[in-house]
């Protein structure tokens, strides 16, 4: 690794610019505080691109690198049937079009062609434009090939994800999936109103990869390797889940199930101020594939 890359890694991991989101409401409940942080190697292994991973000396932080030759990814040691999966991420400023920094759950390796997936993806951008956080849910093959039935919700967040580390989490319980940013619920996918809901074991993954074909303005802007290497920092790994579907899930709210009134208010704020796309409001899609949208409208 060249000295310039070493310097970039250190800058990404160590330089944190305080930037308070003064208008961010308190959700009143903080699931991340119920889960202890772990060392990367206690919960995860390299999956691909090991030469593009740098682990901090205390093993608590990981930097992934993407250049013209490869990206990089990691995978949880265990599979889960529900749980809390969170990590703090800081992405790179500047020209990052086409770069996808992802934290997600999937069982693609176990069910190729008919897999489940729950995504949180920070999509790179061009200078002067914000990063996009895309959330998505695929169930039993609806994200595979010709059966692409994505349930995307996208946000331009109320902070700059390249300025600081922020905590991104998926809370997947038998009754709902809650996407959280700094403990603020930004999206809830409820089993009761969804025709398809993931209930098979999944692993947690993180990665950085070239998604030029679609990630930035539908592929209009692509990865430009004159700006390589592209880096993403991961730290604050918090994972608490069950391999047994009958075990007690991590509570999503003070009451255990659902969301509290204060959490719902915070989620409404996040969606009203930051949401830029919601699949149920996209009338170019075949509505017959999304029966839950009639319930949401």
C-alpha atoms as a PDB file:
ATOM      1  CA  UNK A   1       0.000   0.000   0.000  1.00  0.00           C
ATOM      2  CA  UNK A   2       1.465   3.385  -1.025  1.00  0.00           C
ATOM      3  CA  UNK A   3       2.008   6.178   1.467  1.00  0.00           C
ATOM      4  CA  UNK A   4      -0.745   8.272  -0.162  1.00  0.00           C
ATOM      5  CA  UNK A   5      -3.254   5.483   0.419  1.00  0.00           C
ATOM      6  CA  UNK A   6      -2.066   5.018   4.013  1.00  0.00           C
ATOM      7  CA  UNK A   7      -2.574   8.746   4.619  1.00  0.00           C
ATOM      8  CA  UNK A   8      -6.052   8.601   3.117  1.00  0.00           C
ATOM      9  CA  UNK A   9      -6.994   5.654   5.336  1.00  0.00           C
ATOM     10  CA  UNK A  10      -5.818   7.452   8.451  1.00  0.00           C
ATOM     11  CA  UNK A  11      -7.711  10.589   7.454  1.00  0.00           C
ATOM     12  CA  UNK A  12     -10.926   8.630   6.907  1.00  0.00           C
ATOM     13  CA  UNK A  13     -10.703   6.768  10.216  1.00  0.00           C
ATOM     14  CA  UNK A  14      -9.357   9.410  12.537  1.00  0.00           C
ATOM     15  CA  UNK A  15     -10.503  12.821  11.378  1.00  0.00           C
ATOM     16  CA  UNK A  16     -14.061  13.400  12.530  1.00  0.00           C
ATOM     17  CA  UNK A  17     -15.608  16.803  11.975  1.00  0.00           C
ATOM     18  CA  UNK A  18     -18.286  17.581  14.584  1.00  0.00           C
ATOM     19  CA  UNK A  19     -21.470  18.574  12.790  1.00  0.00           C
ATOM     20  CA  UNK A  20     -24.608  18.510  14.892  1.00  0.00           C
ATOM     21  CA  UNK A  21     -27.939  18.002  13.195  1.00  0.00           C
ATOM     22  CA  UNK A  22     -29.743  20.479  15.426  1.00  0.00           C
ATOM     23  CA  UNK A  23     -33.117  19.854  13.850  1.00  0.00           C
ATOM     24  CA  UNK A  24     -32.957  16.091  14.229  1.00  0.00           C
ATOM     25  CA  UNK A  25     -35.702  15.013  16.627  1.00  0.00           C
ATOM     26  CA  UNK A  26     -35.051  12.537  19.392  1.00  0.00           C
ATOM     27  CA  UNK A  27     -36.682   9.147  18.779  1.00  0.00           C
ATOM     28  CA  UNK A  28     -36.843   8.655  22.553  1.00  0.00           C
ATOM     29  CA  UNK A  29     -35.490   5.115  22.271  1.00  0.00           C
ATOM     30  CA  UNK A  30     -32.009   4.110  21.132  1.00  0.00           C
ATOM     31  CA  UNK A  31     -31.678   0.467  20.019  1.00  0.00           C
ATOM     32  CA  UNK A  32     -27.945   0.865  19.374  1.00  0.00           C
ATOM     33  CA  UNK A  33     -27.384   1.439  23.091  1.00  0.00           C
ATOM     34  CA  UNK A  34     -28.767  -2.033  23.848  1.00  0.00           C
ATOM     35  CA  UNK A  35     -26.079  -3.763  21.756  1.00  0.00           C
ATOM     36  CA  UNK A  36     -22.406  -3.735  22.704  1.00  0.00           C
ATOM     37  CA  UNK A  37     -19.850  -2.884  20.007  1.00  0.00           C
ATOM     38  CA  UNK A  38     -17.588  -5.717  18.921  1.00  0.00           C
ATOM     39  CA  UNK A  39     -14.218  -6.072  17.268  1.00  0.00           C
ATOM     40  CA  UNK A  40     -14.570  -6.622  13.535  1.00  0.00           C
ATOM     41  CA  UNK A  41     -12.922 -10.036  13.654  1.00  0.00           C
ATOM     42  CA  UNK A  42     -15.217 -11.200  16.472  1.00  0.00           C
ATOM     43  CA  UNK A  43     -18.234 -11.031  14.208  1.00  0.00           C
ATOM     44  CA  UNK A  44     -17.040 -10.799  10.620  1.00  0.00           C
ATOM     45  CA  UNK A  45     -14.602 -12.251   8.077  1.00  0.00           C
ATOM     46  CA  UNK A  46     -13.215 -10.992   4.809  1.00  0.00           C
ATOM     47  CA  UNK A  47     -15.343 -12.119   1.869  1.00  0.00           C
ATOM     48  CA  UNK A  48     -13.477 -10.688  -1.124  1.00  0.00           C
ATOM     49  CA  UNK A  49     -10.753  -8.181  -1.897  1.00  0.00           C
ATOM     50  CA  UNK A  50      -8.586  -8.846   1.181  1.00  0.00           C
ATOM     51  CA  UNK A  51      -5.792  -6.714  -0.278  1.00  0.00           C
ATOM     52  CA  UNK A  52      -8.231  -3.788  -0.154  1.00  0.00           C
ATOM     53  CA  UNK A  53      -9.032  -4.026   3.550  1.00  0.00           C
ATOM     54  CA  UNK A  54      -7.183  -2.284   6.375  1.00  0.00           C
ATOM     55  CA  UNK A  55      -7.992  -3.274   9.960  1.00  0.00           C
ATOM     56  CA  UNK A  56      -7.142  -0.854  12.741  1.00  0.00           C
ATOM     57  CA  UNK A  57      -4.634  -1.919  15.368  1.00  0.00           C
ATOM     58  CA  UNK A  58      -7.362  -2.433  17.977  1.00  0.00           C
ATOM     59  CA  UNK A  59      -9.443  -4.446  15.425  1.00  0.00           C
ATOM     60  CA  UNK A  60     -12.461  -2.190  16.025  1.00  0.00           C
ATOM     61  CA  UNK A  61     -12.411  -0.327  12.681  1.00  0.00           C
ATOM     62  CA  UNK A  62     -12.075  -1.430   9.076  1.00  0.00           C
ATOM     63  CA  UNK A  63     -11.383   0.543   5.917  1.00  0.00           C
ATOM     64  CA  UNK A  64     -12.490  -0.830   2.556  1.00  0.00           C
ATOM     65  CA  UNK A  65     -10.886   0.393  -0.654  1.00  0.00           C
ATOM     66  CA  UNK A  66     -12.038   0.323  -4.265  1.00  0.00           C
ATOM     67  CA  UNK A  67      -9.811   1.011  -7.228  1.00  0.00           C
ATOM     68  CA  UNK A  68      -9.701   0.024 -10.870  1.00  0.00           C
ATOM     69  CA  UNK A  69      -8.713  -3.548  -9.986  1.00  0.00           C
ATOM     70  CA  UNK A  70     -11.268  -4.430  -7.319  1.00  0.00           C
ATOM     71  CA  UNK A  71     -13.579  -3.453  -4.520  1.00  0.00           C
ATOM     72  CA  UNK A  72     -13.855  -5.317  -1.232  1.00  0.00           C
ATOM     73  CA  UNK A  73     -16.387  -6.923   1.074  1.00  0.00           C
ATOM     74  CA  UNK A  74     -16.919  -8.730   4.374  1.00  0.00           C
ATOM     75  CA  UNK A  75     -19.481 -11.168   5.780  1.00  0.00           C
ATOM     76  CA  UNK A  76     -20.724 -12.114   9.245  1.00  0.00           C
ATOM     77  CA  UNK A  77     -19.406 -15.337  10.703  1.00  0.00           C
ATOM     78  CA  UNK A  78     -22.936 -16.466  11.606  1.00  0.00           C
ATOM     79  CA  UNK A  79     -26.309 -16.469   9.933  1.00  0.00           C
ATOM     80  CA  UNK A  80     -29.385 -15.069  11.677  1.00  0.00           C
ATOM     81  CA  UNK A  81     -33.165 -15.297  11.501  1.00  0.00           C
ATOM     82  CA  UNK A  82     -33.708 -11.920  13.149  1.00  0.00           C
ATOM     83  CA  UNK A  83     -31.741  -9.315  15.036  1.00  0.00           C
ATOM     84  CA  UNK A  84     -30.087  -5.915  15.172  1.00  0.00           C
ATOM     85  CA  UNK A  85     -27.305  -5.226  12.669  1.00  0.00           C
ATOM     86  CA  UNK A  86     -25.577  -1.873  12.847  1.00  0.00           C
ATOM     87  CA  UNK A  87     -22.305  -0.202  11.919  1.00  0.00           C
ATOM     88  CA  UNK A  88     -20.986   3.349  11.781  1.00  0.00           C
ATOM     89  CA  UNK A  89     -19.847   4.377   8.307  1.00  0.00           C
ATOM     90  CA  UNK A  90     -17.972   7.317   6.854  1.00  0.00           C
ATOM     91  CA  UNK A  91     -17.716   7.668   3.092  1.00  0.00           C
ATOM     92  CA  UNK A  92     -15.341   9.654   0.928  1.00  0.00           C
ATOM     93  CA  UNK A  93     -16.007  13.243  -0.201  1.00  0.00           C
ATOM     94  CA  UNK A  94     -15.492  14.571  -3.702  1.00  0.00           C
ATOM     95  CA  UNK A  95     -16.201  12.708  -6.916  1.00  0.00           C
ATOM     96  CA  UNK A  96     -17.554   9.292  -5.932  1.00  0.00           C
ATOM     97  CA  UNK A  97     -20.128   8.679  -8.689  1.00  0.00           C
ATOM     98  CA  UNK A  98     -20.801   5.008  -9.326  1.00  0.00           C
ATOM     99  CA  UNK A  99     -19.363   3.922  -5.968  1.00  0.00           C
ATOM    100  CA  UNK A 100     -21.699   1.848  -3.781  1.00  0.00           C
ATOM    101  CA  UNK A 101     -20.906   1.546  -0.067  1.00  0.00           C
ATOM    102  CA  UNK A 102     -23.280  -1.055   1.325  1.00  0.00           C
ATOM    103  CA  UNK A 103     -24.328  -2.691   4.582  1.00  0.00           C
ATOM    104  CA  UNK A 104     -26.985  -5.344   4.111  1.00  0.00           C
ATOM    105  CA  UNK A 105     -28.457  -8.734   4.941  1.00  0.00           C
ATOM    106  CA  UNK A 106     -28.687 -11.492   2.341  1.00  0.00           C
ATOM    107  CA  UNK A 107     -28.876 -15.236   1.770  1.00  0.00           C
ATOM    108  CA  UNK A 108     -27.886 -15.142  -1.885  1.00  0.00           C
ATOM    109  CA  UNK A 109     -25.156 -17.732  -1.392  1.00  0.00           C
ATOM    110  CA  UNK A 110     -27.628 -20.174   0.153  1.00  0.00           C
ATOM    111  CA  UNK A 111     -30.542 -19.522  -2.218  1.00  0.00           C
ATOM    112  CA  UNK A 112     -29.062 -18.421  -5.560  1.00  0.00           C
ATOM    113  CA  UNK A 113     -31.800 -17.272  -7.887  1.00  0.00           C
ATOM    114  CA  UNK A 114     -34.366 -17.076  -5.061  1.00  0.00           C
ATOM    115  CA  UNK A 115     -32.766 -15.079  -2.315  1.00  0.00           C
ATOM    116  CA  UNK A 116     -33.848 -12.509   0.281  1.00  0.00           C
ATOM    117  CA  UNK A 117     -32.074  -9.218   0.919  1.00  0.00           C
ATOM    118  CA  UNK A 118     -32.399  -6.105   3.103  1.00  0.00           C
ATOM    119  CA  UNK A 119     -30.195  -3.229   1.908  1.00  0.00           C
ATOM    120  CA  UNK A 120     -28.730   0.028   3.121  1.00  0.00           C
ATOM    121  CA  UNK A 121     -26.552   1.554   0.390  1.00  0.00           C
ATOM    122  CA  UNK A 122     -24.754   4.889   0.269  1.00  0.00           C
ATOM    123  CA  UNK A 123     -24.631   5.816  -3.412  1.00  0.00           C
ATOM    124  CA  UNK A 124     -21.751   7.999  -4.551  1.00  0.00           C
ATOM    125  CA  UNK A 125     -22.187  11.388  -6.135  1.00  0.00           C
ATOM    126  CA  UNK A 126     -20.556  14.268  -7.978  1.00  0.00           C
ATOM    127  CA  UNK A 127     -19.256  17.419  -6.259  1.00  0.00           C
ATOM    128  CA  UNK A 128     -22.056  19.732  -5.225  1.00  0.00           C
ATOM    129  CA  UNK A 129     -24.686  16.976  -5.039  1.00  0.00           C
ATOM    130  CA  UNK A 130     -25.567  14.926  -1.916  1.00  0.00           C
ATOM    131  CA  UNK A 131     -24.991  11.252  -1.310  1.00  0.00           C
ATOM    132  CA  UNK A 132     -28.118   9.121  -1.584  1.00  0.00           C
ATOM    133  CA  UNK A 133     -29.007   6.507   1.023  1.00  0.00           C
ATOM    134  CA  UNK A 134     -31.000   3.759  -0.666  1.00  0.00           C
ATOM    135  CA  UNK A 135     -32.945   1.210   1.363  1.00  0.00           C
ATOM    136  CA  UNK A 136     -34.459  -1.853  -0.258  1.00  0.00           C
ATOM    137  CA  UNK A 137     -36.181  -5.156   0.486  1.00  0.00           C
ATOM    138  CA  UNK A 138     -36.105  -8.209  -1.810  1.00  0.00           C
ATOM    139  CA  UNK A 139     -37.962 -11.378  -0.900  1.00  0.00           C
ATOM    140  CA  UNK A 140     -37.631 -14.896  -2.341  1.00  0.00           C
ATOM    141  CA  UNK A 141     -36.048 -14.034  -5.635  1.00  0.00           C
ATOM    142  CA  UNK A 142     -37.751 -10.731  -6.371  1.00  0.00           C
ATOM    143  CA  UNK A 143     -34.291  -9.193  -6.732  1.00  0.00           C
ATOM    144  CA  UNK A 144     -32.952 -11.867  -9.072  1.00  0.00           C
ATOM    145  CA  UNK A 145     -32.619 -11.243 -12.801  1.00  0.00           C
ATOM    146  CA  UNK A 146     -35.882 -10.803 -14.673  1.00  0.00           C
ATOM    147  CA  UNK A 147     -37.832 -11.023 -11.387  1.00  0.00           C
ATOM    148  CA  UNK A 148     -36.540  -7.649 -10.208  1.00  0.00           C
ATOM    149  CA  UNK A 149     -39.167  -6.287  -7.834  1.00  0.00           C
ATOM    150  CA  UNK A 150     -37.374  -3.698  -5.755  1.00  0.00           C
ATOM    151  CA  UNK A 151     -38.986  -1.872  -2.861  1.00  0.00           C
ATOM    152  CA  UNK A 152     -36.706   1.125  -2.773  1.00  0.00           C
ATOM    153  CA  UNK A 153     -36.917   4.136  -0.524  1.00  0.00           C
ATOM    154  CA  UNK A 154     -34.180   6.753  -0.975  1.00  0.00           C
ATOM    155  CA  UNK A 155     -33.030   9.658   1.166  1.00  0.00           C
ATOM    156  CA  UNK A 156     -30.806  12.706   0.971  1.00  0.00           C
ATOM    157  CA  UNK A 157     -29.831  12.671   4.609  1.00  0.00           C
ATOM    158  CA  UNK A 158     -29.950  15.641   7.005  1.00  0.00           C
ATOM    159  CA  UNK A 159     -26.160  15.498   7.365  1.00  0.00           C
ATOM    160  CA  UNK A 160     -23.157  14.925   5.126  1.00  0.00           C
ATOM    161  CA  UNK A 161     -22.207  11.217   5.393  1.00  0.00           C
ATOM    162  CA  UNK A 162     -18.706  12.079   4.166  1.00  0.00           C
ATOM    163  CA  UNK A 163     -18.047  14.504   7.053  1.00  0.00           C
ATOM    164  CA  UNK A 164     -18.517  12.169  10.033  1.00  0.00           C
ATOM    165  CA  UNK A 165     -19.191   8.605  11.016  1.00  0.00           C
ATOM    166  CA  UNK A 166     -22.924   7.934  11.420  1.00  0.00           C
ATOM    167  CA  UNK A 167     -24.630   4.766  12.592  1.00  0.00           C
ATOM    168  CA  UNK A 168     -26.700   2.807  10.051  1.00  0.00           C
ATOM    169  CA  UNK A 169     -28.738  -0.151  11.259  1.00  0.00           C
ATOM    170  CA  UNK A 170     -31.251  -2.768  10.190  1.00  0.00           C
ATOM    171  CA  UNK A 171     -33.536  -4.095  12.916  1.00  0.00           C
ATOM    172  CA  UNK A 172     -35.169  -7.235  11.502  1.00  0.00           C
ATOM    173  CA  UNK A 173     -37.785  -8.866  13.692  1.00  0.00           C
ATOM    174  CA  UNK A 174     -40.558 -11.361  12.896  1.00  0.00           C
ATOM    175  CA  UNK A 175     -43.138  -8.555  12.719  1.00  0.00           C
ATOM    176  CA  UNK A 176     -41.190  -5.768  10.995  1.00  0.00           C
ATOM    177  CA  UNK A 177     -38.003  -4.412   9.472  1.00  0.00           C
ATOM    178  CA  UNK A 178     -36.904  -0.995  10.727  1.00  0.00           C
ATOM    179  CA  UNK A 179     -34.151   0.993   9.012  1.00  0.00           C
ATOM    180  CA  UNK A 180     -32.379   3.375  11.403  1.00  0.00           C
ATOM    181  CA  UNK A 181     -29.870   6.195  11.014  1.00  0.00           C
ATOM    182  CA  UNK A 182     -28.343   7.350  14.294  1.00  0.00           C
ATOM    183  CA  UNK A 183     -31.256   5.539  15.978  1.00  0.00           C
ATOM    184  CA  UNK A 184     -33.844   7.596  14.067  1.00  0.00           C
ATOM    185  CA  UNK A 185     -36.246   5.239  12.272  1.00  0.00           C
ATOM    186  CA  UNK A 186     -36.366   6.308   8.625  1.00  0.00           C
ATOM    187  CA  UNK A 187     -38.421   3.412   7.266  1.00  0.00           C
ATOM    188  CA  UNK A 188     -40.600   0.581   8.566  1.00  0.00           C
ATOM    189  CA  UNK A 189     -41.536  -2.478   6.498  1.00  0.00           C
ATOM    190  CA  UNK A 190     -44.247  -4.290   8.438  1.00  0.00           C
ATOM    191  CA  UNK A 191     -45.000  -7.977   7.989  1.00  0.00           C
ATOM    192  CA  UNK A 192     -48.731  -7.428   8.597  1.00  0.00           C
ATOM    193  CA  UNK A 193     -49.102  -5.201   5.534  1.00  0.00           C
ATOM    194  CA  UNK A 194     -46.482  -6.804   3.281  1.00  0.00           C
ATOM    195  CA  UNK A 195     -47.412  -9.668   0.949  1.00  0.00           C
ATOM    196  CA  UNK A 196     -43.800 -10.867   1.068  1.00  0.00           C
ATOM    197  CA  UNK A 197     -41.608 -10.787   4.163  1.00  0.00           C
ATOM    198  CA  UNK A 198     -38.150 -12.354   4.661  1.00  0.00           C
ATOM    199  CA  UNK A 199     -38.196 -15.149   7.233  1.00  0.00           C
ATOM    200  CA  UNK A 200     -35.215 -17.304   6.226  1.00  0.00           C
ATOM    201  CA  UNK A 201     -31.715 -17.097   7.671  1.00  0.00           C
ATOM    202  CA  UNK A 202     -29.455 -14.333   6.373  1.00  0.00           C
ATOM    203  CA  UNK A 203     -25.905 -13.115   6.880  1.00  0.00           C
ATOM    204  CA  UNK A 204     -24.766  -9.518   7.363  1.00  0.00           C
ATOM    205  CA  UNK A 205     -22.446  -8.042   4.742  1.00  0.00           C
ATOM    206  CA  UNK A 206     -20.535  -4.851   4.043  1.00  0.00           C
ATOM    207  CA  UNK A 207     -18.868  -3.840   0.796  1.00  0.00           C
ATOM    208  CA  UNK A 208     -17.623  -1.157  -1.548  1.00  0.00           C
ATOM    209  CA  UNK A 209     -18.049  -1.834  -5.252  1.00  0.00           C
ATOM    210  CA  UNK A 210     -18.513  -0.288  -8.690  1.00  0.00           C
ATOM    211  CA  UNK A 211     -22.233   0.155  -9.400  1.00  0.00           C
ATOM    212  CA  UNK A 212     -21.710   2.606 -12.259  1.00  0.00           C
ATOM    213  CA  UNK A 213     -24.548   1.148 -14.322  1.00  0.00           C
ATOM    214  CA  UNK A 214     -27.211   2.534 -11.966  1.00  0.00           C
ATOM    215  CA  UNK A 215     -25.953   4.072  -8.717  1.00  0.00           C
ATOM    216  CA  UNK A 216     -25.623   7.761  -9.659  1.00  0.00           C
ATOM    217  CA  UNK A 217     -28.455   9.384 -11.591  1.00  0.00           C
ATOM    218  CA  UNK A 218     -29.420   6.069 -13.181  1.00  0.00           C
ATOM    219  CA  UNK A 219     -25.911   5.488 -14.532  1.00  0.00           C
ATOM    220  CA  UNK A 220     -25.458   8.940 -16.070  1.00  0.00           C
ATOM    221  CA  UNK A 221     -22.360   9.478 -13.926  1.00  0.00           C
ATOM    222  CA  UNK A 222     -19.943   6.576 -13.643  1.00  0.00           C
ATOM    223  CA  UNK A 223     -16.928   5.758 -11.497  1.00  0.00           C
ATOM    224  CA  UNK A 224     -13.941   7.818 -12.610  1.00  0.00           C
ATOM    225  CA  UNK A 225     -10.725   6.101 -11.614  1.00  0.00           C
ATOM    226  CA  UNK A 226      -8.709   9.271 -11.930  1.00  0.00           C
ATOM    227  CA  UNK A 227     -10.040   9.848  -8.375  1.00  0.00           C
ATOM    228  CA  UNK A 228      -9.068   6.424  -7.014  1.00  0.00           C
ATOM    229  CA  UNK A 229      -8.718   4.993  -4.451  1.00  0.00           C
ATOM    230  CA  UNK A 230     -12.262   5.253  -3.108  1.00  0.00           C
ATOM    231  CA  UNK A 231     -12.480   4.533   0.615  1.00  0.00           C
ATOM    232  CA  UNK A 232     -15.186   3.700   3.123  1.00  0.00           C
ATOM    233  CA  UNK A 233     -14.617   3.469   6.870  1.00  0.00           C
ATOM    234  CA  UNK A 234     -16.586   1.059   9.087  1.00  0.00           C
ATOM    235  CA  UNK A 235     -16.484   1.001  12.882  1.00  0.00           C
ATOM    236  CA  UNK A 236     -18.834   0.503  15.829  1.00  0.00           C
ATOM    237  CA  UNK A 237     -19.950  -2.955  14.720  1.00  0.00           C
ATOM    238  CA  UNK A 238     -23.061  -3.874  16.720  1.00  0.00           C
ATOM    239  CA  UNK A 239     -24.681  -7.226  16.017  1.00  0.00           C
ATOM    240  CA  UNK A 240     -27.214  -9.053  18.157  1.00  0.00           C
ATOM    241  CA  UNK A 241     -29.364 -11.714  16.579  1.00  0.00           C
ATOM    242  CA  UNK A 242     -30.767 -15.201  16.763  1.00  0.00           C
ATOM    243  CA  UNK A 243     -30.260 -18.287  14.657  1.00  0.00           C
ATOM    244  CA  UNK A 244     -33.485 -19.686  16.113  1.00  0.00           C
ATOM    245  CA  UNK A 245     -36.644 -17.985  14.844  1.00  0.00           C
ATOM    246  CA  UNK A 246     -38.285 -18.636  18.218  1.00  0.00           C
ATOM    247  CA  UNK A 247     -35.771 -16.705  20.316  1.00  0.00           C
ATOM    248  CA  UNK A 248     -36.559 -13.291  21.791  1.00  0.00           C
ATOM    249  CA  UNK A 249     -35.903 -10.554  19.209  1.00  0.00           C
ATOM    250  CA  UNK A 250     -34.112  -7.276  19.922  1.00  0.00           C
ATOM    251  CA  UNK A 251     -36.846  -4.778  20.938  1.00  0.00           C
ATOM    252  CA  UNK A 252     -37.636  -2.163  18.294  1.00  0.00           C
ATOM    253  CA  UNK A 253     -39.334   0.150  20.779  1.00  0.00           C
ATOM    254  CA  UNK A 254     -39.816   0.573  24.537  1.00  0.00           C
ATOM    255  CA  UNK A 255     -42.902  -1.631  24.243  1.00  0.00           C
ATOM    256  CA  UNK A 256     -40.920  -4.300  22.388  1.00  0.00           C
ATOM    257  CA  UNK A 257     -42.955  -4.471  19.186  1.00  0.00           C
ATOM    258  CA  UNK A 258     -43.989  -1.790  16.724  1.00  0.00           C
ATOM    259  CA  UNK A 259     -42.748   1.772  17.161  1.00  0.00           C
ATOM    260  CA  UNK A 260     -43.580   4.283  19.874  1.00  0.00           C
ATOM    261  CA  UNK A 261     -45.426   7.511  19.119  1.00  0.00           C
ATOM    262  CA  UNK A 262     -42.140   9.423  19.477  1.00  0.00           C
ATOM    263  CA  UNK A 263     -40.367   7.048  17.086  1.00  0.00           C
ATOM    264  CA  UNK A 264     -43.176   7.390  14.555  1.00  0.00           C
ATOM    265  CA  UNK A 265     -42.957  11.173  14.815  1.00  0.00           C
ATOM    266  CA  UNK A 266     -39.189  10.995  14.205  1.00  0.00           C
ATOM    267  CA  UNK A 267     -39.722   8.698  11.212  1.00  0.00           C
ATOM    268  CA  UNK A 268     -42.345  11.048   9.779  1.00  0.00           C
ATOM    269  CA  UNK A 269     -39.859  13.918  10.145  1.00  0.00           C
ATOM    270  CA  UNK A 270     -37.115  11.945   8.375  1.00  0.00           C
ATOM    271  CA  UNK A 271     -39.380  11.039   5.490  1.00  0.00           C
ATOM    272  CA  UNK A 272     -40.851  14.513   5.116  1.00  0.00           C
ATOM    273  CA  UNK A 273     -37.475  16.274   5.185  1.00  0.00           C
ATOM    274  CA  UNK A 274     -35.166  13.746   3.529  1.00  0.00           C
ATOM    275  CA  UNK A 275     -37.026  11.164   1.424  1.00  0.00           C
ATOM    276  CA  UNK A 276     -36.520  11.652  -2.323  1.00  0.00           C
ATOM    277  CA  UNK A 277     -38.037   8.427  -3.700  1.00  0.00           C
ATOM    278  CA  UNK A 278     -40.625   5.888  -2.545  1.00  0.00           C
ATOM    279  CA  UNK A 279     -41.572   2.958  -4.732  1.00  0.00           C
ATOM    280  CA  UNK A 280     -45.249   3.157  -3.776  1.00  0.00           C
ATOM    281  CA  UNK A 281     -45.334   6.664  -5.274  1.00  0.00           C
ATOM    282  CA  UNK A 282     -43.717   5.565  -8.549  1.00  0.00           C
ATOM    283  CA  UNK A 283     -46.601   5.059 -10.951  1.00  0.00           C
ATOM    284  CA  UNK A 284     -44.306   3.825 -13.745  1.00  0.00           C
ATOM    285  CA  UNK A 285     -44.099   0.532 -11.852  1.00  0.00           C
ATOM    286  CA  UNK A 286     -46.517  -2.341 -12.377  1.00  0.00           C
ATOM    287  CA  UNK A 287     -48.812  -1.829  -9.396  1.00  0.00           C
ATOM    288  CA  UNK A 288     -49.928  -5.453  -9.420  1.00  0.00           C
ATOM    289  CA  UNK A 289     -46.456  -6.387  -8.177  1.00  0.00           C
ATOM    290  CA  UNK A 290     -46.826  -4.159  -5.112  1.00  0.00           C
ATOM    291  CA  UNK A 291     -50.158  -4.927  -3.408  1.00  0.00           C
ATOM    292  CA  UNK A 292     -48.890  -3.391  -0.176  1.00  0.00           C
ATOM    293  CA  UNK A 293     -48.879   0.030  -1.878  1.00  0.00           C
ATOM    294  CA  UNK A 294     -52.689   0.080  -1.985  1.00  0.00           C
ATOM    295  CA  UNK A 295     -52.634  -0.294   1.802  1.00  0.00           C
ATOM    296  CA  UNK A 296     -50.096   2.499   2.169  1.00  0.00           C
ATOM    297  CA  UNK A 297     -51.929   4.997  -0.025  1.00  0.00           C
END
